[in-house]
PDB file of N, CA and C in Angstrom:
ATOM      1  N   MET A   1      40.886 107.246  -6.063  1.00  0.00           N
ATOM      2  CA  MET A   1      41.307 107.805  -4.802  1.00  0.00           C
ATOM      3  C   MET A   1      40.069 108.330  -4.087  1.00  0.00           C
ATOM      4  N   SER A   2      39.931 108.020  -2.770  1.00  0.00           N
ATOM      5  CA  SER A   2      38.785 108.497  -2.000  1.00  0.00           C
ATOM      6  C   SER A   2      39.090 109.860  -1.397  1.00  0.00           C
ATOM      7  N   LEU A   3      38.101 110.446  -0.769  1.00  0.00           N
ATOM      8  CA  LEU A   3      38.271 111.755  -0.135  1.00  0.00           C
ATOM      9  C   LEU A   3      39.279 111.700   1.006  1.00  0.00           C
ATOM     10  N   HIS A   4      39.434 110.523   1.621  1.00  0.00           N
ATOM     11  CA  HIS A   4      40.320 110.382   2.776  1.00  0.00           C
ATOM     12  C   HIS A   4      41.741 110.047   2.384  1.00  0.00           C
ATOM     13  N   ASP A   5      41.969 109.697   1.126  1.00  0.00           N
ATOM     14  CA  ASP A   5      43.315 109.367   0.679  1.00  0.00           C
ATOM     15  C   ASP A   5      44.133 110.630   0.509  1.00  0.00           C
ATOM     16  N   SER A   6      45.384 110.513   0.804  1.00  0.00           N
ATOM     17  CA  SER A   6      46.302 111.621   0.612  1.00  0.00           C
ATOM     18  C   SER A   6      47.190 111.288  -0.565  1.00  0.00           C
ATOM     19  N   PRO A   7      47.557 112.256  -1.359  1.00  0.00           N
ATOM     20  CA  PRO A   7      48.451 111.956  -2.474  1.00  0.00           C
ATOM     21  C   PRO A   7      49.816 111.513  -1.984  1.00  0.00           C
ATOM     22  N   HIS A   8      50.100 111.722  -0.695  1.00  0.00           N
ATOM     23  CA  HIS A   8      51.394 111.351  -0.149  1.00  0.00           C
ATOM     24  C   HIS A   8      51.377 109.956   0.458  1.00  0.00           C
ATOM     25  N   ASP A   9      50.229 109.279   0.434  1.00  0.00           N
ATOM     26  CA  ASP A   9      50.144 107.926   0.988  1.00  0.00           C
ATOM     27  C   ASP A   9      51.036 106.982   0.193  1.00  0.00           C
ATOM     28  N   ALA A  10      51.571 106.008   0.907  1.00  0.00           N
ATOM     29  CA  ALA A  10      52.396 104.993   0.248  1.00  0.00           C
ATOM     30  C   ALA A  10      51.533 104.173  -0.692  1.00  0.00           C
ATOM     31  N   PRO A  11      52.130 103.583  -1.729  1.00  0.00           N
ATOM     32  CA  PRO A  11      51.348 102.824  -2.699  1.00  0.00           C
ATOM     33  C   PRO A  11      50.780 101.524  -2.151  1.00  0.00           C
ATOM     34  N   HIS A  12      51.287 101.011  -1.032  1.00  0.00           N
ATOM     35  CA  HIS A  12      50.737  99.772  -0.468  1.00  0.00           C
ATOM     36  C   HIS A  12      49.710 100.115   0.598  1.00  0.00           C
ATOM     37  N   ASP A  13      48.884  99.147   0.891  1.00  0.00           N
ATOM     38  CA  ASP A  13      47.795  99.335   1.846  1.00  0.00           C
ATOM     39  C   ASP A  13      48.095  98.485   3.073  1.00  0.00           C
ATOM     40  N   PRO A  14      48.654  99.063   4.167  1.00  0.00           N
ATOM     41  CA  PRO A  14      49.034  98.254   5.328  1.00  0.00           C
ATOM     42  C   PRO A  14      47.930  97.377   5.879  1.00  0.00           C
ATOM     43  N   PRO A  15      46.691  97.859   6.067  1.00  0.00           N
ATOM     44  CA  PRO A  15      45.665  96.937   6.575  1.00  0.00           C
ATOM     45  C   PRO A  15      45.456  95.741   5.643  1.00  0.00           C
ATOM     46  N   HIS A  16      45.534  95.986   4.334  1.00  0.00           N
ATOM     47  CA  HIS A  16      45.368  94.890   3.371  1.00  0.00           C
ATOM     48  C   HIS A  16      46.531  93.910   3.493  1.00  0.00           C
ATOM     49  N   ASP A  17      47.759  94.450   3.668  1.00  0.00           N
ATOM     50  CA  ASP A  17      48.928  93.589   3.852  1.00  0.00           C
ATOM     51  C   ASP A  17      48.783  92.756   5.114  1.00  0.00           C
ATOM     52  N   GLU A  18      48.279  93.352   6.192  1.00  0.00           N
ATOM     53  CA  GLU A  18      48.068  92.622   7.441  1.00  0.00           C
ATOM     54  C   GLU A  18      47.024  91.522   7.258  1.00  0.00           C
ATOM     55  N   GLN A  19      45.980  91.821   6.506  1.00  0.00           N
ATOM     56  CA  GLN A  19      44.942  90.815   6.254  1.00  0.00           C
ATOM     57  C   GLN A  19      45.528  89.646   5.471  1.00  0.00           C
ATOM     58  N   LYS A  20      46.379  89.952   4.496  1.00  0.00           N
ATOM     59  CA  LYS A  20      47.005  88.877   3.719  1.00  0.00           C
ATOM     60  C   LYS A  20      47.907  88.025   4.603  1.00  0.00           C
ATOM     61  N   ALA A  21      48.635  88.667   5.509  1.00  0.00           N
ATOM     62  CA  ALA A  21      49.515  87.930   6.412  1.00  0.00           C
ATOM     63  C   ALA A  21      48.703  87.043   7.350  1.00  0.00           C
ATOM     64  N   VAL A  22      47.610  87.569   7.869  1.00  0.00           N
ATOM     65  CA  VAL A  22      46.748  86.781   8.750  1.00  0.00           C
ATOM     66  C   VAL A  22      46.159  85.605   7.982  1.00  0.00           C
ATOM     67  N   ARG A  23      45.728  85.826   6.765  1.00  0.00           N
ATOM     68  CA  ARG A  23      45.162  84.749   5.934  1.00  0.00           C
ATOM     69  C   ARG A  23      46.210  83.667   5.688  1.00  0.00           C
ATOM     70  N   ARG A  24      47.461  84.068   5.395  1.00  0.00           N
ATOM     71  CA  ARG A  24      48.535  83.083   5.181  1.00  0.00           C
ATOM     72  C   ARG A  24      48.762  82.269   6.456  1.00  0.00           C
ATOM     73  N   ASP A  25      48.813  82.954   7.605  1.00  0.00           N
ATOM     74  CA  ASP A  25      49.023  82.247   8.873  1.00  0.00           C
ATOM     75  C   ASP A  25      47.871  81.298   9.173  1.00  0.00           C
ATOM     76  N   LEU A  26      46.653  81.733   8.912  1.00  0.00           N
ATOM     77  CA  LEU A  26      45.482  80.886   9.145  1.00  0.00           C
ATOM     78  C   LEU A  26      45.497  79.668   8.225  1.00  0.00           C
ATOM     79  N   ASP A  27      45.869  79.870   6.976  1.00  0.00           N
ATOM     80  CA  ASP A  27      45.969  78.749   6.038  1.00  0.00           C
ATOM     81  C   ASP A  27      47.026  77.748   6.500  1.00  0.00           C
ATOM     82  N   GLU A  28      48.170  78.266   6.964  1.00  0.00           N
ATOM     83  CA  GLU A  28      49.231  77.382   7.448  1.00  0.00           C
ATOM     84  C   GLU A  28      48.769  76.616   8.682  1.00  0.00           C
ATOM     85  N   LEU A  29      48.095  77.288   9.594  1.00  0.00           N
ATOM     86  CA  LEU A  29      47.564  76.623  10.779  1.00  0.00           C
ATOM     87  C   LEU A  29      46.575  75.529  10.390  1.00  0.00           C
ATOM     88  N   THR A  30      45.702  75.827   9.445  1.00  0.00           N
ATOM     89  CA  THR A  30      44.720  74.841   8.984  1.00  0.00           C
ATOM     90  C   THR A  30      45.430  73.621   8.401  1.00  0.00           C
ATOM     91  N   ARG A  31      46.457  73.850   7.572  1.00  0.00           N
ATOM     92  CA  ARG A  31      47.207  72.721   6.988  1.00  0.00           C
ATOM     93  C   ARG A  31      47.843  71.868   8.077  1.00  0.00           C
ATOM     94  N   ARG A  32      48.428  72.518   9.080  1.00  0.00           N
ATOM     95  CA  ARG A  32      49.104  71.755  10.137  1.00  0.00           C
ATOM     96  C   ARG A  32      48.115  70.978  11.008  1.00  0.00           C
ATOM     97  N   VAL A  33      46.965  71.564  11.293  1.00  0.00           N
ATOM     98  CA  VAL A  33      45.948  70.854  12.079  1.00  0.00           C
ATOM     99  C   VAL A  33      45.442  69.642  11.308  1.00  0.00           C
ATOM    100  N   GLU A  34      45.208  69.819  10.011  1.00  0.00           N
ATOM    101  CA  GLU A  34      44.758  68.684   9.188  1.00  0.00           C
ATOM    102  C   GLU A  34      45.803  67.580   9.173  1.00  0.00           C
ATOM    103  N   LEU A  35      47.081  67.948   9.091  1.00  0.00           N
ATOM    104  CA  LEU A  35      48.152  66.953   9.122  1.00  0.00           C
ATOM    105  C   LEU A  35      48.158  66.220  10.464  1.00  0.00           C
ATOM    106  N   LEU A  36      48.033  66.950  11.559  1.00  0.00           N
ATOM    107  CA  LEU A  36      47.988  66.311  12.876  1.00  0.00           C
ATOM    108  C   LEU A  36      46.794  65.377  13.003  1.00  0.00           C
ATOM    109  N   GLU A  37      45.641  65.799  12.470  1.00  0.00           N
ATOM    110  CA  GLU A  37      44.461  64.938  12.532  1.00  0.00           C
ATOM    111  C   GLU A  37      44.680  63.653  11.747  1.00  0.00           C
ATOM    112  N   ARG A  38      45.313  63.764  10.594  1.00  0.00           N
ATOM    113  CA  ARG A  38      45.600  62.552   9.797  1.00  0.00           C
ATOM    114  C   ARG A  38      46.578  61.647  10.546  1.00  0.00           C
ATOM    115  N   GLN A  39      47.623  62.248  11.139  1.00  0.00           N
ATOM    116  CA  GLN A  39      48.600  61.445  11.884  1.00  0.00           C
ATOM    117  C   GLN A  39      47.945  60.790  13.099  1.00  0.00           C
ATOM    118  N   ALA A  40      47.081  61.505  13.782  1.00  0.00           N
ATOM    119  CA  ALA A  40      46.401  60.949  14.951  1.00  0.00           C
ATOM    120  C   ALA A  40      45.468  59.823  14.528  1.00  0.00           C
ATOM    121  N   GLY A  41      44.842  59.965  13.381  1.00  0.00           N
ATOM    122  CA  GLY A  41      43.952  58.922  12.876  1.00  0.00           C
ATOM    123  C   GLY A  41      44.696  57.633  12.594  1.00  0.00           C
ATOM    124  N   ARG A  42      45.928  57.750  12.121  1.00  0.00           N
ATOM    125  CA  ARG A  42      46.734  56.553  11.846  1.00  0.00           C
ATOM    126  C   ARG A  42      47.241  55.939  13.133  1.00  0.00           C
ATOM    127  N   ALA A  43      47.512  56.762  14.141  1.00  0.00           N
ATOM    128  CA  ALA A  43      48.070  56.265  15.398  1.00  0.00           C
ATOM    129  C   ALA A  43      46.995  55.694  16.309  1.00  0.00           C
ATOM    130  N   ARG A  44      45.749  56.023  16.043  1.00  0.00           N
ATOM    131  CA  ARG A  44      44.647  55.572  16.895  1.00  0.00           C
ATOM    132  C   ARG A  44      44.457  54.064  16.749  1.00  0.00           C
ATOM    133  N   PRO A  45      44.382  53.342  17.866  1.00  0.00           N
ATOM    134  CA  PRO A  45      44.165  51.895  17.779  1.00  0.00           C
ATOM    135  C   PRO A  45      42.752  51.597  17.269  1.00  0.00           C
ATOM    136  N   ALA A  46      42.636  50.471  16.607  1.00  0.00           N
ATOM    137  CA  ALA A  46      41.330  50.068  16.093  1.00  0.00           C
ATOM    138  C   ALA A  46      40.447  49.593  17.235  1.00  0.00           C
ATOM    139  N   GLY A  47      39.148  49.805  17.083  1.00  0.00           N
ATOM    140  CA  GLY A  47      38.195  49.340  18.089  1.00  0.00           C
ATOM    141  C   GLY A  47      37.913  50.374  19.149  1.00  0.00           C
ATOM    142  N   PRO A  48      37.007  50.028  20.058  1.00  0.00           N
ATOM    143  CA  PRO A  48      36.621  50.974  21.121  1.00  0.00           C
ATOM    144  C   PRO A  48      37.764  51.146  22.121  1.00  0.00           C
ATOM    145  N   PRO A  49      37.792  52.267  22.814  1.00  0.00           N
ATOM    146  CA  PRO A  49      38.850  52.474  23.810  1.00  0.00           C
ATOM    147  C   PRO A  49      38.713  51.479  24.960  1.00  0.00           C
ATOM    148  N   ALA A  50      39.831  51.190  25.581  1.00  0.00           N
ATOM    149  CA  ALA A  50      39.834  50.244  26.694  1.00  0.00           C
ATOM    150  C   ALA A  50      39.147  50.866  27.914  1.00  0.00           C
ATOM    151  N   ALA A  51      38.534  50.027  28.714  1.00  0.00           N
ATOM    152  CA  ALA A  51      37.878  50.493  29.940  1.00  0.00           C
ATOM    153  C   ALA A  51      38.941  50.961  30.927  1.00  0.00           C
ATOM    154  N   PRO A  52      38.620  51.961  31.763  1.00  0.00           N
ATOM    155  CA  PRO A  52      39.601  52.425  32.748  1.00  0.00           C
ATOM    156  C   PRO A  52      39.951  51.332  33.754  1.00  0.00           C
ATOM    157  N   ASP A  53      41.168  51.386  34.233  1.00  0.00           N
ATOM    158  CA  ASP A  53      41.651  50.408  35.208  1.00  0.00           C
ATOM    159  C   ASP A  53      41.062  50.753  36.579  1.00  0.00           C
ATOM    160  N   PRO A  54      40.210  49.891  37.157  1.00  0.00           N
ATOM    161  CA  PRO A  54      39.582  50.181  38.450  1.00  0.00           C
ATOM    162  C   PRO A  54      40.595  50.393  39.568  1.00  0.00           C
ATOM    163  N   SER A  55      41.769  49.794  39.465  1.00  0.00           N
ATOM    164  CA  SER A  55      42.761  49.953  40.532  1.00  0.00           C
ATOM    165  C   SER A  55      43.332  51.375  40.562  1.00  0.00           C
ATOM    166  N   LEU A  56      43.137  52.140  39.491  1.00  0.00           N
ATOM    167  CA  LEU A  56      43.633  53.516  39.445  1.00  0.00           C
ATOM    168  C   LEU A  56      42.587  54.537  39.900  1.00  0.00           C
ATOM    169  N   MET A  57      41.363  54.078  40.135  1.00  0.00           N
ATOM    170  CA  MET A  57      40.294  54.984  40.542  1.00  0.00           C
ATOM    171  C   MET A  57      40.379  55.287  42.033  1.00  0.00           C
ATOM    172  N   VAL A  58      40.026  56.522  42.381  1.00  0.00           N
ATOM    173  CA  VAL A  58      40.038  56.964  43.775  1.00  0.00           C
ATOM    174  C   VAL A  58      38.613  57.338  44.151  1.00  0.00           C
ATOM    175  N   THR A  59      38.139  56.811  45.248  1.00  0.00           N
ATOM    176  CA  THR A  59      36.808  57.135  45.725  1.00  0.00           C
ATOM    177  C   THR A  59      36.874  58.397  46.575  1.00  0.00           C
ATOM    178  N   VAL A  60      36.039  59.352  46.257  1.00  0.00           N
ATOM    179  CA  VAL A  60      35.973  60.596  47.022  1.00  0.00           C
ATOM    180  C   VAL A  60      34.697  60.542  47.844  1.00  0.00           C
ATOM    181  N   PRO A  61      34.830  60.628  49.168  1.00  0.00           N
ATOM    182  CA  PRO A  61      33.639  60.503  50.017  1.00  0.00           C
ATOM    183  C   PRO A  61      32.737  61.738  49.889  1.00  0.00           C
ATOM    184  N   ASP A  62      31.445  61.533  50.119  1.00  0.00           N
ATOM    185  CA  ASP A  62      30.467  62.622  50.093  1.00  0.00           C
ATOM    186  C   ASP A  62      30.386  63.358  51.423  1.00  0.00           C
ATOM    187  N   THR A  63      31.039  62.833  52.440  1.00  0.00           N
ATOM    188  CA  THR A  63      30.973  63.466  53.755  1.00  0.00           C
ATOM    189  C   THR A  63      31.774  64.761  53.751  1.00  0.00           C
ATOM    190  N   PRO A  64      31.339  65.752  54.522  1.00  0.00           N
ATOM    191  CA  PRO A  64      32.069  67.035  54.559  1.00  0.00           C
ATOM    192  C   PRO A  64      33.453  66.862  55.179  1.00  0.00           C
ATOM    193  N   TYR A  65      34.382  67.701  54.731  1.00  0.00           N
ATOM    194  CA  TYR A  65      35.720  67.684  55.313  1.00  0.00           C
ATOM    195  C   TYR A  65      35.697  68.344  56.685  1.00  0.00           C
ATOM    196  N   ASP A  66      36.654  67.991  57.494  1.00  0.00           N
ATOM    197  CA  ASP A  66      36.814  68.601  58.812  1.00  0.00           C
ATOM    198  C   ASP A  66      37.261  70.051  58.602  1.00  0.00           C
ATOM    199  N   SER A  67      36.495  71.022  59.085  1.00  0.00           N
ATOM    200  CA  SER A  67      36.801  72.433  58.865  1.00  0.00           C
ATOM    201  C   SER A  67      38.089  72.868  59.547  1.00  0.00           C
ATOM    202  N   SER A  68      38.557  72.113  60.523  1.00  0.00           N
ATOM    203  CA  SER A  68      39.812  72.466  61.188  1.00  0.00           C
ATOM    204  C   SER A  68      41.009  72.331  60.230  1.00  0.00           C
ATOM    205  N   LEU A  69      40.825  71.641  59.138  1.00  0.00           N
ATOM    206  CA  LEU A  69      41.899  71.526  58.149  1.00  0.00           C
ATOM    207  C   LEU A  69      42.241  72.886  57.542  1.00  0.00           C
ATOM    208  N   TRP A  70      41.293  73.809  57.577  1.00  0.00           N
ATOM    209  CA  TRP A  70      41.479  75.107  56.918  1.00  0.00           C
ATOM    210  C   TRP A  70      41.655  76.263  57.901  1.00  0.00           C
ATOM    211  N   THR A  71      41.840  76.019  59.179  1.00  0.00           N
ATOM    212  CA  THR A  71      41.882  77.117  60.153  1.00  0.00           C
ATOM    213  C   THR A  71      43.046  78.077  59.917  1.00  0.00           C
ATOM    214  N   ASP A  72      44.190  77.615  59.496  1.00  0.00           N
ATOM    215  CA  ASP A  72      45.347  78.482  59.283  1.00  0.00           C
ATOM    216  C   ASP A  72      45.625  78.744  57.809  1.00  0.00           C
ATOM    217  N   SER A  73      44.682  78.455  56.972  1.00  0.00           N
ATOM    218  CA  SER A  73      44.931  78.609  55.534  1.00  0.00           C
ATOM    219  C   SER A  73      44.564  80.007  55.052  1.00  0.00           C
ATOM    220  N   ASP A  74      45.163  80.405  53.963  1.00  0.00           N
ATOM    221  CA  ASP A  74      44.817  81.660  53.300  1.00  0.00           C
ATOM    222  C   ASP A  74      43.776  81.355  52.237  1.00  0.00           C
ATOM    223  N   ASP A  75      42.942  82.342  51.957  1.00  0.00           N
ATOM    224  CA  ASP A  75      41.999  82.187  50.857  1.00  0.00           C
ATOM    225  C   ASP A  75      42.785  82.364  49.568  1.00  0.00           C
ATOM    226  N   GLU A  76      42.781  81.355  48.756  1.00  0.00           N
ATOM    227  CA  GLU A  76      43.580  81.384  47.543  1.00  0.00           C
ATOM    228  C   GLU A  76      43.250  82.611  46.701  1.00  0.00           C
ATOM    229  N   GLY A  77      44.274  83.379  46.393  1.00  0.00           N
ATOM    230  CA  GLY A  77      44.096  84.554  45.564  1.00  0.00           C
ATOM    231  C   GLY A  77      43.641  85.774  46.333  1.00  0.00           C
ATOM    232  N   LEU A  78      43.247  85.614  47.602  1.00  0.00           N
ATOM    233  CA  LEU A  78      42.752  86.752  48.383  1.00  0.00           C
ATOM    234  C   LEU A  78      43.694  87.154  49.508  1.00  0.00           C
ATOM    235  N   GLY A  79      44.669  86.323  49.819  1.00  0.00           N
ATOM    236  CA  GLY A  79      45.593  86.646  50.886  1.00  0.00           C
ATOM    237  C   GLY A  79      45.097  86.135  52.227  1.00  0.00           C
ATOM    238  N   ALA A  80      45.793  86.542  53.261  1.00  0.00           N
ATOM    239  CA  ALA A  80      45.461  86.080  54.603  1.00  0.00           C
ATOM    240  C   ALA A  80      44.173  86.723  55.084  1.00  0.00           C
ATOM    241  N   ARG A  81      43.457  86.028  55.976  1.00  0.00           N
ATOM    242  CA  ARG A  81      42.166  86.500  56.462  1.00  0.00           C
ATOM    243  C   ARG A  81      42.258  87.769  57.314  1.00  0.00           C
ATOM    244  N   ASP A  82      43.379  87.953  58.039  1.00  0.00           N
ATOM    245  CA  ASP A  82      43.484  89.090  58.951  1.00  0.00           C
ATOM    246  C   ASP A  82      44.124  90.333  58.301  1.00  0.00           C
ATOM    247  N   ARG A  83      44.367  90.293  57.000  1.00  0.00           N
ATOM    248  CA  ARG A  83      44.953  91.442  56.306  1.00  0.00           C
ATOM    249  C   ARG A  83      44.057  91.850  55.157  1.00  0.00           C
ATOM    250  N   ARG A  84      44.186  93.101  54.755  1.00  0.00           N
ATOM    251  CA  ARG A  84      43.404  93.623  53.629  1.00  0.00           C
ATOM    252  C   ARG A  84      44.253  93.630  52.368  1.00  0.00           C
ATOM    253  N   ALA A  85      43.599  93.490  51.270  1.00  0.00           N
ATOM    254  CA  ALA A  85      44.293  93.553  49.987  1.00  0.00           C
ATOM    255  C   ALA A  85      44.749  94.978  49.730  1.00  0.00           C
ATOM    256  N   PRO A  86      45.850  95.160  49.011  1.00  0.00           N
ATOM    257  CA  PRO A  86      46.343  96.521  48.728  1.00  0.00           C
ATOM    258  C   PRO A  86      45.373  97.313  47.890  1.00  0.00           C
TER     259      PRO A  86
END
């Protein structure tokens, strides 16, 4: 018994019990991830991945957008331009 222990303390050690529970959960998570990796390995097709379909690609121009598109917009997350945040 240490100087900080009380004779009235319960016989179990809650932090130790919590550590054991966390270790069990971590072990279970590790087992499930390994199982998923094995299943994904079996489902993966053989050979290199297929090249992307060019017909699905979208070209984004380098030219600046017309600023008038944003004249009546709010700044996302900041609210309207003419009002102050609370």
